[in-house]
Each structure stands twice: as structure tokens, then as C-alpha cells.
Amino acid sequence: MSSAVEKTDQASLPQLSGRLLWFYRIVWSALAVGALLAPALSPFYFPYHPAVLGLRLVKSAVLVCVATILLVRRQRDPVAALLALAFLTWTISSSFDVGNSAEFVQLLDRCRFLLFALALPLFPDGRWRSRWIRAVICASAGVFLIGIIETLHFLPMRLFLPLAIACVLSGIGVLVARFRSSTNFEIKQQLKWVALGLIGGVGLILCARAGFAAAPSSSPAMEILWEALFQLGIIIVALGFLISLLRYRLFDAETVISRSAAYVGLTIAVVAIFGGTEGAIENLGQSYLGMNVGSISGAMAAAVAALLLSPLHGRISDWAEDRFQPDLAQLKREIPEILGRFSATSSTRSLGAAVLPPISAAIHATRSMLVINGRVAAAHGLAVGDANRWWHNVKRERSALVERNIDDPLFPIRLRLGSATSGSANWLLLGPRPDATLYGREDLDAVRSTFPALKHALAAAMVREAFATTVARRERRLRNELREIRAWLQEVEISRVITFGRGRTS
């Protein structure tokens, strides 16, 4: 066991402490001063448009805040240290036009690449046992040296940019491989947030670079647009890493990814429909009417796009949920199937024991409880005795259950299932997630979508239980009556025997 621990320790970066921690703090402080001064000094060297300057100031403020949070909250984490230094260096280098700026800024940009390229394959726990990870780290260091040589004009090479892109893509490939091979759910959620930030941020950065390259002398409005996309891409990358490292709302990764995919897909579909419809109307107008329909085609295309917006939104949202939120999609399909198998003969207790585990697993609830007819029917993630004690305390305090009550640490989410036959309400109570956060609208909507089938099954089970209780009460009464009749018959038989015996004696 000890050898395994030693191997694990040797295969991961050590936590920062002692002189190394103080060196990190000193370097961080120096870069932070530079990150605060660079946006203010850059206009003296390059006359930027006020909008461009404002965008760069916003980006610099966000990156400095992200680096500060990582220093305060994850001070000893080596991966967080690499990312914090990378974001500060990125703040300085991206405040200038690297291609036209001084060699010092270009050297900082190469350092930013090295820090970021090292943090990618080591994320999130600093482990580098894989040969692929070691190869990516060595390749990144070699590309960094090539960039330094190019910047200092020792060799007339132009290899740094394509090689740097290849190293970053290799680091992303390491993250993908780690996501597929990892069995730790928390690490998977962290990698999802990072993937969302990288895909969105790098996509915007590449779009901005492509826009600058395709139209280097475009209008000021387009230049501002490309600049906004570039700076927004940097911010999204930084925020993706920040949320992942702080482990804040890790369980919302699927929701954010699903929404982003739905919005992107809907935007592309609407733009494609608008452009295709407008072009088709113009071609038809010129071919058959012999005139240019002009603005009429745009208005008709907009009307068609608006007409198709609602059905497209529904279909694309359903696709995004099935693709990126499979747990919720499976919950909507699984609960009716479970209720269909169990509802014919099961009791409310067995129904609750069957539906609570999949509901808790789909929304990552730490605990859940089903209250039927004013009593605890089933509990998951909590001992039945503890659930009963909590419920008795609630009833003793006469605290009314409401749909949402975040003051209770045990069951902050309370969903009404409807009124029972006795007049009291049936409730589904949900505990918080493992990170103590509550659920999003999609999670609660998915749970509520199972309520019609659950209400029907519970109503049938309660009717069966009421009928079984009535039958049992009647059988008990009949047994008591039969017992009384048997006792009376025995008394009559005994008296008859005694009377017959006396008659013979006489």
C-alpha cells in the first residue's frame, strides 16, 4: 500500500510550500502589477478605438480577478498556480498587438503559451503518469524554446504558431482521454466545465482571428466586432477553468452545455432559414416576375424564420437535452416504465422505494423522501428512522411545507404531488447536491414531468391499500364474531353435556 502511495505522489506535482510558494507569490505580484499597468499604457503606444480600449479593460479586469481568486482560494495548487500566472501574462500580452509590439511583449506571450500548455495536460490534479502527458510537456517546452529563438531573431523560422497550436490541441486531447478513462464523477464534471470554456472561448478566438485575416482593412464596426469576439473568448476560457478549479456548481455543467448547444443550433438554423428563404424569394422574383423584390424578400424571410422559431426551438432543445443531459432524458423515460411494472400490485412504500433512487441519481440528490397521507412512505440516502424523526419534528413544530424552502439543510426542495384522500398533501422532498447547491429549472422540470404517472400510480396504490385495509378490518371483525360464536357454542355444548349427565344420574 505504501509503495502505491509513493508512486502516486511521484507521478503528480507536489503542493506549493516553502520557498516555492513564496517564489510563486512574488512572480504573481510582479505580473499582477504589469497586468494592471498594461491596459493603461497600451494606448500610448497604439491608438486604439475607445470601444476596443473598453473591451480590453473589461477583459483585463476579469482575468486579474480570476488570477486573484485562484491565488486566494487555491494557493498551494500547482495547476491553479500555472493558470493564474498564464492569465496574468495573457492580460499583459493581449493588451498589445503582439505582431507589431516590442520583443518583450512577444517573449511574455511565449511564456503565456508555456504556462497554459503545461497546465492543460496536468489539469486538474497535476498527475503526469501517462507517457502521452510527458510527451506533450516535453513538446511544449521545445516549442517554447523555438518561440524564444524566433523572437530574438537568432533563426529566421516561422514554426512557433503552428507548433503551438498543435501542442494546445494535444493538451486538449489529453483532457478528452482523461475524461473517458476517469471513473471519478467530480473530475468528469470539472473537465466538462473546462471543455465548455475551451470550446466556446477558443471558437470565438479563432473566429476573430479568421475575421481579421479575411478582412484586414474592414470597417471600424467590424474591427470592434472581431475584437469583442477575441476578448470574450479569452474571458470564457478563464471562467471555465475558474469554475472547474473552485468546484462551484459542478453539477450544472450539463445544463449550461445543453443550453449553449441549443442556442447555437437555433441561431444557425434561423440564420440559415432566413438567408435561404431570402435568396430563394429574390431568385423567384427575378425569374418569374422580372423585377427585384428588394426589401420584400427580407421581410418575407424574416416572417418565415419567425414562424419556424418555436418548433425549431422545441426540437433543438429536445435534441440538446438527449445529447448533453442524458440523465434527465432517461429519467423521463424510466419512471413511467418503472411505474408500469410496479403499479399494478405494489404498495406506496414499494413504489417510493422504486422511484426515489432513479430520481436522486438523475439530479444528483444526496437524499430524497416521499411523504404519503402524512407519513413517510420511503426514503433514499437517509435512514428510515432519521427520516421519521425529521418528519415528526416538522409535524410537531407545525411548520407548513412549501414548494421551496432553502432554510432547511436536510430537504431544501419540496415538491407537492397533490392532495391525498385524507385531505393532507403528498410530497416529494429533495436534499441538496453533494456540493450543497440547489437544482436548476431543467432538473426540477424533469422531475415534475414524472408527476402525472407517479400520481396515478400512487392513487391506485392508495386505493388498493384502502381496500385492503377495509377487507382486513372486515376479516378481523368476522374472525372476532366467529370466535364469539365458537365460544358461545362451546358454552352451549358444555351446558348440554352437564344437563344430560345430571339427567342420567337422577
Protein backbone atom coordinates (compact mmCIF):
# COMPACT_ATOMS: atom_id res chain seq x y z
CA MET A 1 0.00 0.00 0.00
CA SER A 2 2.78 2.45 0.88
CA SER A 3 4.61 1.79 -2.38
CA ALA A 4 1.43 2.56 -4.31
CA VAL A 5 1.06 5.84 -2.45
CA GLU A 6 4.69 6.73 -3.16
CA LYS A 7 4.24 6.01 -6.86
CA THR A 8 1.14 8.18 -6.93
CA ASP A 9 3.00 11.00 -5.17
CA GLN A 10 5.94 10.73 -7.55
CA ALA A 11 3.58 10.82 -10.54
CA SER A 12 1.97 14.13 -9.58
CA LEU A 13 3.14 17.67 -9.00
CA PRO A 14 3.77 18.49 -5.32
CA GLN A 15 1.73 21.10 -3.49
CA LEU A 16 3.39 24.51 -3.29
CA SER A 17 5.07 25.23 0.02
CA GLY A 18 8.09 26.96 1.49
CA ARG A 19 10.36 28.80 -0.92
CA LEU A 20 8.46 27.60 -3.97
CA LEU A 21 5.25 29.12 -2.61
CA TRP A 22 6.98 32.42 -1.87
CA PHE A 23 8.52 32.43 -5.38
CA TYR A 24 5.05 31.93 -6.84
CA ARG A 25 3.67 34.81 -4.78
CA ILE A 26 6.49 37.13 -5.86
CA VAL A 27 6.10 36.27 -9.55
CA TRP A 28 2.32 36.59 -9.25
CA SER A 29 2.64 40.04 -7.66
CA ALA A 30 5.03 41.26 -10.36
CA LEU A 31 2.76 40.01 -13.15
CA ALA A 32 -0.30 41.47 -11.40
CA VAL A 33 1.32 44.91 -11.39
CA GLY A 34 2.11 44.50 -15.07
CA ALA A 35 -1.44 43.32 -15.79
CA LEU A 36 -2.84 46.45 -14.12
CA LEU A 37 -0.44 48.80 -15.92
CA ALA A 38 -0.53 47.24 -19.40
CA PRO A 39 -4.11 48.27 -20.35
CA ALA A 40 -3.40 51.81 -19.18
CA LEU A 41 -0.08 52.12 -21.05
CA SER A 42 -1.05 50.40 -24.30
CA PRO A 43 -2.99 53.43 -25.73
CA PHE A 44 0.21 55.49 -25.60
CA TYR A 45 1.90 53.04 -27.96
CA PHE A 46 -1.07 52.09 -30.16
CA PRO A 47 -4.01 54.49 -30.73
CA TYR A 48 -6.99 52.22 -30.15
CA HIS A 49 -10.63 52.96 -30.77
CA PRO A 50 -12.39 53.80 -27.45
CA ALA A 51 -14.64 50.74 -27.80
CA VAL A 52 -11.62 48.48 -28.33
CA LEU A 53 -9.91 50.02 -25.33
CA GLY A 54 -13.02 49.44 -23.23
CA LEU A 55 -13.20 45.79 -24.27
CA ARG A 56 -9.57 45.23 -23.36
CA LEU A 57 -10.06 46.89 -19.99
CA VAL A 58 -13.01 44.61 -19.24
CA LYS A 59 -11.01 41.56 -20.26
CA SER A 60 -8.05 42.65 -18.14
CA ALA A 61 -10.29 43.21 -15.11
CA VAL A 62 -11.85 39.74 -15.46
CA LEU A 63 -8.52 37.96 -15.88
CA VAL A 64 -6.94 39.78 -12.93
CA CYS A 65 -9.97 38.85 -10.79
CA VAL A 66 -9.72 35.21 -11.89
CA ALA A 67 -5.99 35.11 -11.08
CA THR A 68 -6.64 36.74 -7.70
CA ILE A 69 -9.35 34.22 -6.81
CA LEU A 70 -7.06 31.34 -7.77
CA LEU A 71 -4.27 32.80 -5.60
CA VAL A 72 -6.58 33.19 -2.59
CA ARG A 73 -8.66 30.02 -2.89
CA ARG A 74 -6.16 27.58 -4.49
CA GLN A 75 -2.83 29.00 -3.36
CA ARG A 76 -0.95 25.69 -2.98
CA ASP A 77 -2.39 24.00 -6.07
CA PRO A 78 0.36 23.85 -8.75
CA VAL A 79 -2.10 23.63 -11.65
CA ALA A 80 -4.03 26.65 -10.35
CA ALA A 81 -0.70 28.48 -9.98
CA LEU A 82 0.21 27.77 -13.62
CA LEU A 83 -3.18 29.00 -14.79
CA ALA A 84 -3.09 32.13 -12.61
CA LEU A 85 0.32 33.11 -13.99
CA ALA A 86 -0.85 32.28 -17.52
CA PHE A 87 -3.91 34.54 -17.19
CA LEU A 88 -1.85 37.43 -15.82
CA THR A 89 0.68 37.03 -18.63
CA TRP A 90 -2.17 36.77 -21.13
CA THR A 91 -3.58 40.03 -19.76
CA ILE A 92 -0.32 41.83 -20.48
CA SER A 93 0.38 40.32 -23.90
CA SER A 94 -3.21 40.61 -25.20
CA SER A 95 -3.30 44.31 -24.29
CA PHE A 96 -0.92 44.93 -27.19
CA ASP A 97 -0.81 43.79 -30.80
CA VAL A 98 1.76 41.04 -30.42
CA GLY A 99 2.73 41.04 -34.06
CA ASN A 100 3.67 44.72 -34.02
CA SER A 101 4.77 45.20 -30.39
CA ALA A 102 8.14 45.07 -28.68
CA GLU A 103 10.12 41.89 -28.24
CA PHE A 104 9.43 41.93 -24.50
CA VAL A 105 5.68 41.55 -25.09
CA GLN A 106 6.33 38.75 -27.57
CA LEU A 107 8.51 36.97 -25.01
CA LEU A 108 5.69 37.30 -22.48
CA ASP A 109 3.32 35.77 -25.00
CA ARG A 110 5.68 32.80 -25.37
CA CYS A 111 5.77 32.43 -21.57
CA ARG A 112 1.98 32.55 -21.51
CA PHE A 113 1.90 29.73 -24.05
CA LEU A 114 4.27 27.59 -21.95
CA LEU A 115 2.29 28.10 -18.74
CA PHE A 116 -1.01 27.36 -20.43
CA ALA A 117 0.35 24.38 -22.39
CA LEU A 118 1.76 22.86 -19.20
CA ALA A 119 -1.47 23.38 -17.25
CA LEU A 120 -3.68 21.70 -19.87
CA PRO A 121 -2.33 18.10 -19.71
CA LEU A 122 -1.81 18.33 -15.93
CA PHE A 123 -5.34 19.53 -15.19
CA PRO A 124 -6.95 19.14 -12.67
CA ASP A 125 -4.86 17.15 -10.18
CA GLY A 126 -1.31 17.62 -11.56
CA ARG A 127 -0.79 13.95 -12.43
CA TRP A 128 1.56 13.10 -15.29
CA ARG A 129 1.90 9.33 -15.15
CA SER A 130 0.88 8.86 -18.79
CA ARG A 131 3.61 8.83 -21.42
CA TRP A 132 1.40 10.98 -23.62
CA ILE A 133 1.29 13.68 -20.93
CA ARG A 134 5.09 13.64 -20.60
CA ALA A 135 5.42 13.84 -24.38
CA VAL A 136 3.09 16.84 -24.57
CA ILE A 137 5.01 18.60 -21.78
CA CYS A 138 8.36 18.00 -23.47
CA ALA A 139 6.98 19.11 -26.85
CA SER A 140 5.55 22.29 -25.30
CA ALA A 141 8.92 23.11 -23.75
CA GLY A 142 10.62 22.59 -27.13
CA VAL A 143 8.10 24.79 -28.91
CA PHE A 144 8.62 27.46 -26.23
CA LEU A 145 12.38 27.44 -26.97
CA ILE A 146 11.63 27.74 -30.69
CA GLY A 147 9.42 30.75 -29.96
CA ILE A 148 12.19 32.39 -27.89
CA ILE A 149 14.69 31.83 -30.72
CA GLU A 150 12.30 33.31 -33.27
CA THR A 151 11.53 36.33 -31.07
CA LEU A 152 15.22 37.10 -30.53
CA HIS A 153 15.85 36.73 -34.32
CA PHE A 154 18.57 34.14 -33.89
CA LEU A 155 16.95 31.97 -36.57
CA PRO A 156 14.53 33.14 -39.33
CA MET A 157 11.91 30.49 -38.60
CA ARG A 158 8.12 30.72 -38.63
CA LEU A 159 7.32 27.47 -36.87
CA PHE A 160 6.17 28.68 -33.47
CA LEU A 161 2.50 29.43 -34.20
CA PRO A 162 1.55 26.12 -35.92
CA LEU A 163 3.57 24.10 -33.41
CA ALA A 164 1.97 25.98 -30.51
CA ILE A 165 -1.50 25.26 -31.87
CA ALA A 166 -0.55 21.57 -32.20
CA CYS A 167 0.63 21.48 -28.56
CA VAL A 168 -2.55 23.11 -27.30
CA LEU A 169 -4.67 20.65 -29.29
CA SER A 170 -2.60 17.78 -27.88
CA GLY A 171 -3.24 19.07 -24.37
CA ILE A 172 -6.95 19.17 -25.11
CA GLY A 173 -6.66 15.62 -26.40
CA VAL A 174 -5.13 14.59 -23.06
CA LEU A 175 -8.15 16.12 -21.28
CA VAL A 176 -10.50 14.17 -23.54
CA ALA A 177 -8.65 10.92 -22.87
CA ARG A 178 -8.69 11.59 -19.13
CA PHE A 179 -12.42 12.28 -19.24
CA ARG A 180 -13.10 8.98 -20.98
CA SER A 181 -10.89 6.92 -18.69
CA SER A 182 -11.74 8.57 -15.38
CA THR A 183 -14.23 6.97 -13.01
CA ASN A 184 -14.28 9.95 -10.64
CA PHE A 185 -17.53 11.84 -11.20
CA GLU A 186 -16.17 15.10 -9.76
CA ILE A 187 -13.21 15.10 -12.15
CA LYS A 188 -15.55 14.40 -15.05
CA GLN A 189 -17.67 17.41 -14.08
CA GLN A 190 -14.56 19.59 -13.81
CA LEU A 191 -13.43 18.51 -17.27
CA LYS A 192 -16.88 19.30 -18.66
CA TRP A 193 -16.65 22.90 -17.43
CA VAL A 194 -13.15 23.20 -18.91
CA ALA A 195 -14.35 21.71 -22.19
CA LEU A 196 -17.20 24.22 -22.32
CA GLY A 197 -14.81 27.11 -21.71
CA LEU A 198 -12.25 25.87 -24.23
CA ILE A 199 -14.77 25.12 -26.97
CA GLY A 200 -16.59 28.42 -26.56
CA GLY A 201 -13.53 30.56 -25.90
CA VAL A 202 -11.18 29.06 -28.48
CA GLY A 203 -14.00 29.05 -31.02
CA LEU A 204 -14.56 32.78 -30.56
CA ILE A 205 -10.82 33.46 -30.69
CA LEU A 206 -10.47 31.52 -33.94
CA CYS A 207 -13.48 33.32 -35.42
CA ALA A 208 -11.91 36.67 -34.51
CA ARG A 209 -8.54 35.67 -35.99
CA ALA A 210 -10.24 34.45 -39.16
CA GLY A 211 -12.19 37.69 -39.40
CA PHE A 212 -9.05 39.80 -39.01
CA ALA A 213 -7.21 37.69 -41.58
CA ALA A 214 -10.05 37.72 -44.14
CA ALA A 215 -10.65 41.47 -43.94
CA PRO A 216 -7.59 43.25 -42.53
CA SER A 217 -8.86 46.66 -43.66
CA SER A 218 -12.53 46.29 -42.74
CA SER A 219 -14.82 48.95 -41.34
CA PRO A 220 -14.43 50.14 -37.72
CA ALA A 221 -17.64 48.38 -36.74
CA MET A 222 -16.34 45.03 -37.95
CA GLU A 223 -13.00 45.59 -36.24
CA ILE A 224 -14.83 46.23 -32.98
CA LEU A 225 -16.87 43.06 -33.53
CA TRP A 226 -13.77 40.91 -34.10
CA GLU A 227 -12.08 42.49 -31.10
CA ALA A 228 -15.14 41.80 -28.94
CA LEU A 229 -15.17 38.15 -30.02
CA PHE A 230 -11.46 37.81 -29.28
CA GLN A 231 -11.63 39.34 -25.81
CA LEU A 232 -14.83 37.47 -24.95
CA GLY A 233 -13.15 34.21 -25.95
CA ILE A 234 -10.31 34.86 -23.51
CA ILE A 235 -12.81 35.62 -20.73
CA ILE A 236 -14.79 32.42 -21.38
CA VAL A 237 -11.64 30.28 -21.26
CA ALA A 238 -10.62 31.83 -17.94
CA LEU A 239 -14.07 31.45 -16.38
CA GLY A 240 -14.29 27.80 -17.46
CA PHE A 241 -11.06 27.00 -15.60
CA LEU A 242 -12.08 29.11 -12.59
CA ILE A 243 -15.44 27.37 -12.09
CA SER A 244 -13.81 23.98 -12.53
CA LEU A 245 -11.00 24.59 -10.04
CA LEU A 246 -13.29 26.14 -7.43
CA ARG A 247 -15.70 23.19 -7.89
CA TYR A 248 -18.58 25.65 -7.85
CA ARG A 249 -21.87 24.27 -9.22
CA LEU A 250 -20.09 21.39 -10.92
CA PHE A 251 -23.40 19.62 -11.44
CA ASP A 252 -24.71 22.44 -13.67
CA ALA A 253 -22.18 21.65 -16.41
CA GLU A 254 -24.64 19.56 -18.43
CA THR A 255 -27.31 22.25 -18.16
CA VAL A 256 -25.00 25.01 -19.39
CA ILE A 257 -23.66 22.84 -22.20
CA SER A 258 -27.17 21.85 -23.27
CA ARG A 259 -28.38 25.46 -23.28
CA SER A 260 -25.32 26.65 -25.19
CA ALA A 261 -25.72 23.93 -27.79
CA ALA A 262 -29.43 24.70 -28.13
CA TYR A 263 -28.85 28.43 -28.57
CA VAL A 264 -26.02 27.90 -31.06
CA GLY A 265 -28.06 25.38 -33.04
CA LEU A 266 -31.13 27.61 -33.01
CA THR A 267 -29.10 30.63 -34.16
CA ILE A 268 -27.53 28.70 -37.01
CA ALA A 269 -30.88 27.27 -38.07
CA VAL A 270 -32.65 30.65 -38.02
CA VAL A 271 -29.82 32.36 -39.93
CA ALA A 272 -29.76 29.55 -42.50
CA ILE A 273 -33.54 29.69 -42.95
CA PHE A 274 -33.51 33.47 -43.26
CA GLY A 275 -30.65 33.51 -45.76
CA GLY A 276 -32.00 30.62 -47.82
CA THR A 277 -35.55 31.99 -47.89
CA GLU A 278 -34.41 35.47 -48.82
CA GLY A 279 -32.21 34.17 -51.65
CA ALA A 280 -34.97 31.89 -52.94
CA ILE A 281 -37.54 34.72 -52.95
CA GLU A 282 -35.16 37.06 -54.78
CA ASN A 283 -34.37 34.43 -57.42
CA LEU A 284 -38.03 33.59 -57.92
CA GLY A 285 -38.93 37.27 -58.19
CA GLN A 286 -36.29 37.91 -60.82
CA SER A 287 -37.07 34.74 -62.76
CA TYR A 288 -40.87 34.87 -62.86
CA LEU A 289 -41.73 38.49 -62.13
CA GLY A 290 -38.83 40.10 -63.88
CA MET A 291 -38.15 42.56 -61.06
CA ASN A 292 -36.05 42.97 -57.97
CA VAL A 293 -38.27 42.38 -54.93
CA GLY A 294 -35.74 44.18 -52.70
CA SER A 295 -36.80 44.61 -49.10
CA ILE A 296 -39.89 42.44 -49.62
CA SER A 297 -37.72 39.32 -49.71
CA GLY A 298 -36.09 40.25 -46.40
CA ALA A 299 -39.47 40.84 -44.75
CA MET A 300 -40.87 37.54 -46.05
CA ALA A 301 -37.74 35.66 -44.98
CA ALA A 302 -37.99 37.19 -41.50
CA ALA A 303 -41.65 36.14 -41.31
CA VAL A 304 -40.80 32.55 -42.29
CA ALA A 305 -37.96 32.43 -39.74
CA ALA A 306 -40.25 33.80 -37.00
CA LEU A 307 -42.92 31.24 -37.91
CA LEU A 308 -40.46 28.36 -37.61
CA LEU A 309 -38.74 29.70 -34.49
CA SER A 310 -40.99 27.98 -31.93
CA PRO A 311 -40.98 24.45 -33.44
CA LEU A 312 -37.25 24.71 -34.11
CA HIS A 313 -36.61 25.74 -30.52
CA GLY A 314 -38.56 22.77 -29.21
CA ARG A 315 -36.85 20.23 -31.46
CA ILE A 316 -33.35 21.60 -30.92
CA SER A 317 -33.88 21.82 -27.15
CA ASP A 318 -35.06 18.20 -27.04
CA TRP A 319 -32.03 17.13 -29.10
CA ALA A 320 -29.64 19.06 -26.84
CA GLU A 321 -31.20 17.53 -23.72
CA ASP A 322 -30.96 13.98 -25.13
CA ARG A 323 -27.36 14.59 -26.18
CA PHE A 324 -25.93 16.56 -23.26
CA GLN A 325 -28.33 15.77 -20.39
CA PRO A 326 -28.88 12.02 -20.81
CA ASP A 327 -29.67 11.56 -17.10
CA LEU A 328 -32.71 13.81 -17.28
CA ALA A 329 -33.85 12.35 -20.59
CA GLN A 330 -33.50 8.84 -19.19
CA LEU A 331 -35.42 9.85 -16.06
CA LYS A 332 -38.41 10.96 -18.14
CA ARG A 333 -38.44 7.59 -19.92
CA GLU A 334 -37.51 5.36 -16.97
CA ILE A 335 -40.02 6.44 -14.33
CA PRO A 336 -43.14 5.62 -16.41
CA GLU A 337 -41.63 2.22 -17.23
CA ILE A 338 -40.90 1.52 -13.55
CA LEU A 339 -44.37 2.60 -12.52
CA GLY A 340 -45.87 0.47 -15.28
CA ARG A 341 -44.12 -2.61 -13.90
CA PHE A 342 -44.82 -1.98 -10.21
CA SER A 343 -48.05 -0.03 -10.06
CA ALA A 344 -50.39 -2.99 -10.60
CA THR A 345 -49.67 -4.74 -7.31
CA SER A 346 -47.21 -2.57 -5.36
CA SER A 347 -47.85 -0.52 -2.26
CA THR A 348 -46.95 3.13 -1.79
CA ARG A 349 -43.87 2.09 0.17
CA SER A 350 -42.57 -0.19 -2.57
CA LEU A 351 -43.39 2.41 -5.25
CA GLY A 352 -41.42 5.03 -3.34
CA ALA A 353 -38.50 2.63 -2.92
CA ALA A 354 -38.56 2.03 -6.69
CA VAL A 355 -38.77 5.64 -7.95
CA LEU A 356 -36.61 7.53 -5.43
CA PRO A 357 -33.21 6.02 -6.47
CA PRO A 358 -33.51 6.93 -10.20
CA ILE A 359 -34.80 10.41 -9.36
CA SER A 360 -31.92 11.03 -6.95
CA ALA A 361 -29.37 9.65 -9.42
CA ALA A 362 -30.65 11.77 -12.32
CA ILE A 363 -30.46 15.09 -10.48
CA HIS A 364 -27.57 14.07 -8.17
CA ALA A 365 -29.57 14.49 -4.96
CA THR A 366 -27.89 13.47 -1.72
CA ARG A 367 -31.21 12.31 -0.25
CA SER A 368 -34.90 12.16 -1.08
CA MET A 369 -38.10 11.23 0.71
CA LEU A 370 -41.71 10.51 -0.25
CA VAL A 371 -44.47 11.59 2.14
CA ILE A 372 -47.89 9.99 1.52
CA ASN A 373 -51.00 10.65 3.60
CA GLY A 374 -48.99 12.47 6.22
CA ARG A 375 -46.47 9.67 6.80
CA VAL A 376 -43.04 8.78 5.43
CA ALA A 377 -43.60 6.19 2.71
CA ALA A 378 -39.99 5.82 1.53
CA ALA A 379 -36.58 7.47 1.90
CA HIS A 380 -33.35 7.29 -0.12
CA GLY A 381 -29.92 8.37 1.10
CA LEU A 382 -31.26 8.66 4.63
CA ALA A 383 -32.10 6.06 7.25
CA VAL A 384 -35.81 5.45 7.69
CA GLY A 385 -35.53 6.20 11.40
CA ASP A 386 -33.83 9.55 10.74
CA ALA A 387 -36.46 10.38 8.12
CA ASN A 388 -39.29 9.58 10.53
CA ARG A 389 -37.69 11.66 13.29
CA TRP A 390 -37.28 14.63 10.94
CA TRP A 391 -40.90 14.29 9.81
CA HIS A 392 -42.20 14.05 13.37
CA ASN A 393 -40.25 17.20 14.26
CA VAL A 394 -41.81 19.00 11.30
CA LYS A 395 -45.30 17.93 12.35
CA ARG A 396 -44.65 18.76 15.99
CA GLU A 397 -43.47 22.27 15.09
CA ARG A 398 -46.50 22.58 12.78
CA SER A 399 -44.33 24.15 10.09
CA ALA A 400 -46.21 24.24 6.81
CA LEU A 401 -44.48 22.62 3.86
CA VAL A 402 -43.99 24.93 0.89
CA GLU A 403 -42.83 24.32 -2.64
CA ARG A 404 -39.33 25.70 -1.99
CA ASN A 405 -37.70 26.28 1.40
CA ILE A 406 -33.92 26.73 1.34
CA ASP A 407 -33.73 27.24 5.11
CA ASP A 408 -33.89 23.52 5.79
CA PRO A 409 -30.45 21.94 5.26
CA LEU A 410 -31.88 18.42 5.07
CA PHE A 411 -34.65 18.87 2.49
CA PRO A 412 -34.49 22.35 0.91
CA ILE A 413 -36.60 21.38 -2.12
CA ARG A 414 -40.20 20.27 -1.53
CA LEU A 415 -42.47 19.43 -4.44
CA ARG A 416 -46.19 18.87 -3.97
CA LEU A 417 -47.62 15.73 -5.52
CA GLY A 418 -51.25 16.63 -4.86
CA SER A 419 -53.75 16.03 -2.09
CA ALA A 420 -54.27 12.60 -0.66
CA THR A 421 -57.63 11.01 0.06
CA SER A 422 -57.46 12.15 3.67
CA GLY A 423 -57.04 15.77 2.68
CA SER A 424 -53.33 16.05 3.54
CA ALA A 425 -50.79 16.70 0.80
CA ASN A 426 -48.39 14.20 -0.72
CA TRP A 427 -44.82 15.49 -1.06
CA LEU A 428 -41.57 14.65 -2.78
CA LEU A 429 -38.73 16.08 -0.67
CA LEU A 430 -35.25 16.50 -2.15
CA GLY A 431 -31.97 17.14 -0.40
CA PRO A 432 -29.17 19.29 -1.86
CA ARG A 433 -26.45 18.14 -4.22
CA PRO A 434 -23.11 16.86 -2.88
CA ASP A 435 -21.65 20.37 -3.30
CA ALA A 436 -24.56 21.83 -1.25
CA THR A 437 -26.02 23.65 -4.28
CA LEU A 438 -29.65 23.54 -5.38
CA TYR A 439 -31.11 22.44 -8.68
CA GLY A 440 -31.72 24.28 -11.92
CA ARG A 441 -35.02 24.72 -13.65
CA GLU A 442 -34.32 21.85 -16.08
CA ASP A 443 -33.72 19.42 -13.22
CA LEU A 444 -36.95 20.30 -11.42
CA ASP A 445 -38.91 20.32 -14.68
CA ALA A 446 -37.63 16.81 -15.44
CA VAL A 447 -38.74 15.63 -12.00
CA ARG A 448 -42.14 17.30 -12.35
CA SER A 449 -42.62 15.67 -15.76
CA THR A 450 -42.82 12.31 -13.95
CA PHE A 451 -45.55 13.51 -11.57
CA PRO A 452 -48.60 12.58 -13.69
CA ALA A 453 -47.58 8.92 -13.90
CA LEU A 454 -46.42 8.95 -10.27
CA LYS A 455 -49.69 10.49 -9.05
CA HIS A 456 -51.72 7.92 -10.98
CA ALA A 457 -49.66 5.03 -9.60
CA LEU A 458 -49.79 6.37 -6.04
CA ALA A 459 -53.55 6.97 -6.29
CA ALA A 460 -54.07 3.38 -7.47
CA ALA A 461 -51.79 2.08 -4.72
CA MET A 462 -53.63 4.12 -2.07
CA VAL A 463 -56.98 2.81 -3.33
CA ARG A 464 -55.65 -0.75 -3.12
CA GLU A 465 -54.27 -0.10 0.34
CA ALA A 466 -57.57 1.44 1.47
CA PHE A 467 -59.47 -1.53 0.02
CA ALA A 468 -57.01 -3.95 1.60
CA THR A 469 -57.39 -2.14 4.93
CA THR A 470 -61.18 -2.34 4.67
CA VAL A 471 -61.03 -6.04 3.78
CA ALA A 472 -58.59 -6.71 6.59
CA ARG A 473 -60.81 -4.83 9.06
CA ARG A 474 -63.85 -6.78 7.89
CA GLU A 475 -61.98 -10.07 8.09
CA ARG A 476 -60.84 -9.19 11.59
CA ARG A 477 -64.40 -8.38 12.62
CA LEU A 478 -65.65 -11.64 11.10
CA ARG A 479 -62.93 -13.58 12.88
CA ASN A 480 -63.90 -11.95 16.16
CA GLU A 481 -67.55 -12.78 15.51
CA LEU A 482 -66.66 -16.37 14.64
CA ARG A 483 -64.57 -16.59 17.79
CA GLU A 484 -67.50 -15.33 19.85
CA ILE A 485 -69.89 -17.76 18.13
CA ARG A 486 -67.45 -20.63 18.72
CA ALA A 487 -67.12 -19.66 22.37
CA TRP A 488 -70.93 -19.49 22.69
CA LEU A 489 -71.32 -22.87 21.02
CA GLN A 490 -68.75 -24.32 23.35
CA GLU A 491 -70.62 -22.93 26.33
CA VAL A 492 -73.90 -24.34 24.97
CA GLU A 493 -72.27 -27.73 24.40
CA ILE A 494 -70.81 -27.76 27.86
CA SER A 495 -74.13 -26.83 29.47
CA ARG A 496 -75.92 -29.50 27.41
CA VAL A 497 -73.43 -32.14 28.49
CA ILE A 498 -73.80 -31.15 32.13
CA THR A 499 -77.58 -31.22 31.88
CA PHE A 500 -77.53 -34.64 30.18
CA GLY A 501 -75.20 -36.02 32.83
CA ARG A 502 -77.44 -34.88 35.66
CA GLY A 503 -80.43 -36.44 33.99
CA ARG A 504 -78.80 -39.83 33.80
CA THR A 505 -77.63 -39.63 37.40
CA SER A 506 -81.11 -38.99 38.64
